[in-house]
N, C-alpha and C. Protein backbone atom coordinates (compact mmCIF):
# COMPACT_ATOMS: atom_id res chain seq x y z
N MET A 1 18.41 124.77 97.15
CA MET A 1 20.18 124.93 97.26
C MET A 1 20.09 125.84 98.42
N HIS A 2 21.36 125.62 98.63
CA HIS A 2 22.04 125.11 100.14
C HIS A 2 23.79 125.36 99.89
N GLY A 3 25.08 126.23 100.79
CA GLY A 3 25.83 126.19 100.60
C GLY A 3 26.50 124.85 100.82
N ILE A 4 28.01 124.72 101.04
CA ILE A 4 28.88 123.90 101.17
C ILE A 4 29.41 123.59 101.89
N GLY A 5 29.43 123.07 103.11
CA GLY A 5 29.70 123.29 104.31
C GLY A 5 30.85 122.27 104.38
N ARG A 6 32.56 122.57 103.83
CA ARG A 6 33.66 122.06 104.33
C ARG A 6 34.47 122.20 105.11
N VAL A 7 34.16 124.03 105.24
CA VAL A 7 35.20 124.70 105.70
C VAL A 7 35.17 124.72 107.18
N LYS A 8 35.52 125.16 107.35
CA LYS A 8 35.15 125.52 109.77
C LYS A 8 34.79 126.49 110.09
N ILE A 9 35.45 127.76 108.82
CA ILE A 9 34.81 128.95 109.96
C ILE A 9 33.82 128.82 109.10
N GLN A 10 32.75 129.88 109.73
CA GLN A 10 31.17 129.68 110.01
C GLN A 10 31.03 131.49 109.97
N MET A 11 30.22 132.25 109.31
CA MET A 11 29.68 133.43 109.68
C MET A 11 28.34 133.53 110.54
N GLY A 12 28.14 133.10 110.80
CA GLY A 12 26.51 132.96 111.59
C GLY A 12 26.00 131.52 111.82
N THR A 13 24.87 131.93 112.32
CA THR A 13 24.00 130.68 112.83
C THR A 13 23.05 129.97 112.06
N GLY A 14 22.22 130.88 111.52
CA GLY A 14 21.05 131.24 111.35
C GLY A 14 21.16 130.56 109.19
N MET A 15 20.07 130.61 108.42
CA MET A 15 19.90 130.30 107.14
C MET A 15 20.12 131.36 106.76
N LEU A 16 20.45 131.80 105.57
CA LEU A 16 20.42 133.21 105.30
C LEU A 16 19.03 132.77 104.03
N GLU A 17 18.39 133.54 104.31
CA GLU A 17 17.56 133.38 103.18
C GLU A 17 17.14 134.81 101.79
N LEU A 18 17.35 133.58 100.68
CA LEU A 18 17.55 134.91 99.37
C LEU A 18 16.08 134.73 98.48
N THR A 19 16.19 135.33 98.03
CA THR A 19 15.31 135.77 96.96
C THR A 19 15.68 136.03 96.07
N SER A 20 15.14 136.67 94.54
CA SER A 20 15.38 136.36 93.24
C SER A 20 15.72 137.64 93.18
N GLU A 21 15.05 138.70 94.06
CA GLU A 21 15.45 140.19 94.50
C GLU A 21 17.00 140.39 94.76
N SER A 22 17.63 139.27 95.29
CA SER A 22 19.14 139.41 95.85
C SER A 22 20.06 138.69 94.80
N LEU A 23 19.36 138.39 93.64
CA LEU A 23 20.21 137.65 92.69
C LEU A 23 20.64 138.79 92.10
N VAL A 24 22.44 139.03 91.74
CA VAL A 24 22.49 139.12 91.14
C VAL A 24 23.94 139.45 89.96
N GLY A 25 24.63 138.13 89.68
CA GLY A 25 24.97 137.51 88.82
C GLY A 25 24.06 136.04 88.90
N LYS A 26 25.16 135.39 87.71
CA LYS A 26 24.64 133.79 87.68
C LYS A 26 25.79 132.81 86.37
N GLY A 27 26.48 132.57 87.11
CA GLY A 27 26.89 131.36 86.22
C GLY A 27 26.80 130.17 85.99
N LEU A 28 27.59 129.04 85.13
CA LEU A 28 27.03 127.98 84.74
C LEU A 28 27.34 127.25 85.61
N HIS A 29 27.52 127.08 87.36
CA HIS A 29 27.79 126.44 88.42
C HIS A 29 27.11 127.32 89.46
N ARG A 30 27.44 128.90 89.60
CA ARG A 30 26.81 129.44 90.58
C ARG A 30 26.14 130.31 90.95
N GLU A 31 25.48 130.82 91.76
CA GLU A 31 24.59 132.29 91.25
C GLU A 31 25.29 133.20 92.67
N VAL A 32 25.35 134.12 92.18
CA VAL A 32 25.61 134.87 93.55
C VAL A 32 24.59 136.58 93.98
N HIS A 33 24.25 136.52 95.60
CA HIS A 33 23.25 137.05 96.04
C HIS A 33 24.06 138.35 97.00
N VAL A 34 23.22 139.06 96.80
CA VAL A 34 23.68 140.44 98.07
C VAL A 34 23.50 139.44 99.00
N HIS A 35 24.28 139.99 99.84
CA HIS A 35 24.00 138.90 101.30
C HIS A 35 22.99 140.19 101.71
N PRO A 36 22.55 139.37 102.74
CA PRO A 36 20.92 139.76 103.28
C PRO A 36 21.18 140.67 104.22
N ASN A 37 22.14 140.35 105.23
CA ASN A 37 21.93 141.05 106.53
C ASN A 37 23.71 142.38 106.24
N ASP A 38 23.95 141.93 105.09
CA ASP A 38 25.22 142.80 105.04
C ASP A 38 25.71 143.35 103.50
N SER A 39 25.06 144.43 102.97
CA SER A 39 24.89 144.46 101.40
C SER A 39 26.44 145.07 100.85
N SER A 40 27.29 144.80 101.61
CA SER A 40 29.12 144.65 101.34
C SER A 40 29.73 143.73 101.10
N LYS A 41 28.93 142.57 101.42
CA LYS A 41 29.26 140.97 100.77
C LYS A 41 28.34 140.47 99.90
N CYS A 42 28.81 140.15 99.53
CA CYS A 42 27.94 138.64 98.65
C CYS A 42 27.52 137.19 99.19
N VAL A 43 26.92 136.82 98.43
CA VAL A 43 26.71 135.07 98.59
C VAL A 43 27.02 134.08 97.49
N LYS A 44 27.54 133.12 97.37
CA LYS A 44 27.64 132.68 96.48
C LYS A 44 27.18 131.24 96.43
N VAL A 45 26.06 130.39 95.44
CA VAL A 45 25.76 129.51 95.70
C VAL A 45 25.98 128.89 95.07
N VAL A 46 25.86 127.05 94.82
CA VAL A 46 25.89 126.66 94.14
C VAL A 46 24.86 125.51 93.20
N VAL A 47 24.81 125.72 92.57
CA VAL A 47 23.41 125.48 91.70
C VAL A 47 23.26 123.99 90.29
N LEU A 48 24.71 123.98 90.37
CA LEU A 48 24.67 123.21 89.36
C LEU A 48 26.07 122.30 89.32
N ARG A 49 25.89 121.48 90.33
CA ARG A 49 27.93 120.51 90.44
C ARG A 49 28.75 121.65 90.07
N GLY A 50 28.74 122.53 90.44
CA GLY A 50 30.19 123.02 90.55
C GLY A 50 30.74 122.78 92.18
N GLU A 51 30.44 122.07 92.93
CA GLU A 51 31.07 121.53 94.32
C GLU A 51 32.68 121.32 94.40
N GLU A 52 33.09 121.30 93.22
CA GLU A 52 34.49 121.10 93.05
C GLU A 52 35.22 122.49 92.79
N GLU A 53 34.85 122.89 91.87
CA GLU A 53 35.43 124.97 92.03
C GLU A 53 35.07 125.45 92.95
N THR A 54 34.26 125.39 94.03
CA THR A 54 33.93 125.85 95.15
C THR A 54 35.27 125.23 96.09
N ARG A 55 35.35 123.52 96.03
CA ARG A 55 36.04 123.24 97.18
C ARG A 55 37.92 124.05 96.49
N ARG A 56 38.36 124.50 95.05
CA ARG A 56 39.27 125.02 94.33
C ARG A 56 39.17 126.10 95.31
N GLU A 57 38.20 127.03 95.07
CA GLU A 57 38.65 128.28 95.28
C GLU A 57 38.64 128.60 96.59
N GLN A 58 38.28 127.68 97.38
CA GLN A 58 37.72 128.04 99.35
C GLN A 58 39.40 127.82 99.71
N ALA A 59 39.99 126.71 99.00
CA ALA A 59 41.54 126.60 99.36
C ALA A 59 42.46 127.18 98.54
N TYR A 60 42.44 127.98 97.41
CA TYR A 60 42.92 129.37 97.35
C TYR A 60 42.68 130.21 98.66
N TYR A 61 41.99 130.81 98.71
CA TYR A 61 41.51 131.95 99.74
C TYR A 61 42.20 131.32 100.99
N HIS A 62 42.20 129.90 101.42
CA HIS A 62 42.73 129.68 102.58
C HIS A 62 44.32 130.15 102.75
N PHE A 63 44.78 129.10 101.22
CA PHE A 63 46.53 129.81 100.73
C PHE A 63 46.19 131.24 101.59
N LEU A 64 46.07 132.19 100.74
CA LEU A 64 45.67 133.30 100.58
C LEU A 64 46.15 134.06 101.91
N GLN A 65 44.96 133.46 103.00
CA GLN A 65 45.06 134.09 104.40
C GLN A 65 46.01 133.40 104.76
N ARG A 66 46.93 132.07 104.47
CA ARG A 66 48.06 132.49 105.35
C ARG A 66 49.14 133.03 105.07
N LYS A 67 49.02 133.42 104.07
CA LYS A 67 50.29 134.41 103.40
C LYS A 67 49.99 135.50 103.85
N ASN A 68 48.89 136.43 104.48
CA ASN A 68 48.45 137.14 104.80
C ASN A 68 49.04 138.35 104.20
N ILE A 69 47.89 137.80 103.15
CA ILE A 69 47.65 138.89 101.06
C ILE A 69 46.92 140.16 101.77
N GLU A 70 46.73 141.34 101.00
CA GLU A 70 46.52 141.98 101.11
C GLU A 70 44.76 141.91 100.01
N TRP A 71 43.97 142.05 100.90
CA TRP A 71 42.91 141.86 100.61
C TRP A 71 42.45 142.96 99.74
N VAL A 72 43.09 144.08 99.07
CA VAL A 72 42.62 145.27 98.56
C VAL A 72 42.13 145.36 97.15
N SER A 73 42.42 144.57 96.82
CA SER A 73 42.30 143.83 95.39
C SER A 73 41.36 142.73 94.92
N LEU A 74 41.75 141.69 96.40
CA LEU A 74 40.87 140.72 95.81
C LEU A 74 39.58 140.35 97.14
N PRO A 75 38.33 139.51 96.42
CA PRO A 75 37.36 139.63 97.27
C PRO A 75 37.50 138.52 97.70
N ARG A 76 37.27 138.91 99.24
CA ARG A 76 37.54 137.94 100.84
C ARG A 76 36.41 137.57 101.03
N PHE A 77 37.43 135.74 101.08
CA PHE A 77 36.20 134.92 102.04
C PHE A 77 36.26 134.69 102.78
N TYR A 78 34.31 134.99 103.60
CA TYR A 78 34.07 134.86 105.30
C TYR A 78 34.25 133.52 105.92
N GLY A 79 33.98 132.30 104.64
CA GLY A 79 33.02 131.08 105.14
C GLY A 79 31.96 130.53 104.69
N ASN A 80 31.26 130.44 105.20
CA ASN A 80 30.39 129.41 104.68
C ASN A 80 28.80 129.38 105.49
N GLU A 81 28.03 129.64 104.54
CA GLU A 81 26.77 130.18 105.09
C GLU A 81 25.46 128.77 104.85
N GLU A 82 24.66 127.72 105.37
CA GLU A 82 22.99 127.68 105.22
C GLU A 82 22.20 128.24 104.51
N THR A 83 22.15 127.92 103.15
CA THR A 83 20.89 128.93 102.28
C THR A 83 20.09 128.63 101.95
N ASN A 84 18.34 128.96 101.91
CA ASN A 84 17.17 128.44 101.53
C ASN A 84 17.23 127.81 100.27
């Protein structure tokens, strides 16, 4: 498994090591893990042809960032990371 690298924002430089213990949820196209270095963040991992859904979601996050919205009730998008 690995993240999608189409967005120019990068959180870090190393590969994130995700385990079954860090898994908190799973949908049809993505798994959600607790970030191994920051438990206040989650990592979404594409697992089954979910690239288009992920691209749409990331485009919407960029739209919201340009509008300078308040992130009080929405999860903030920090960027893409490589995962194991």
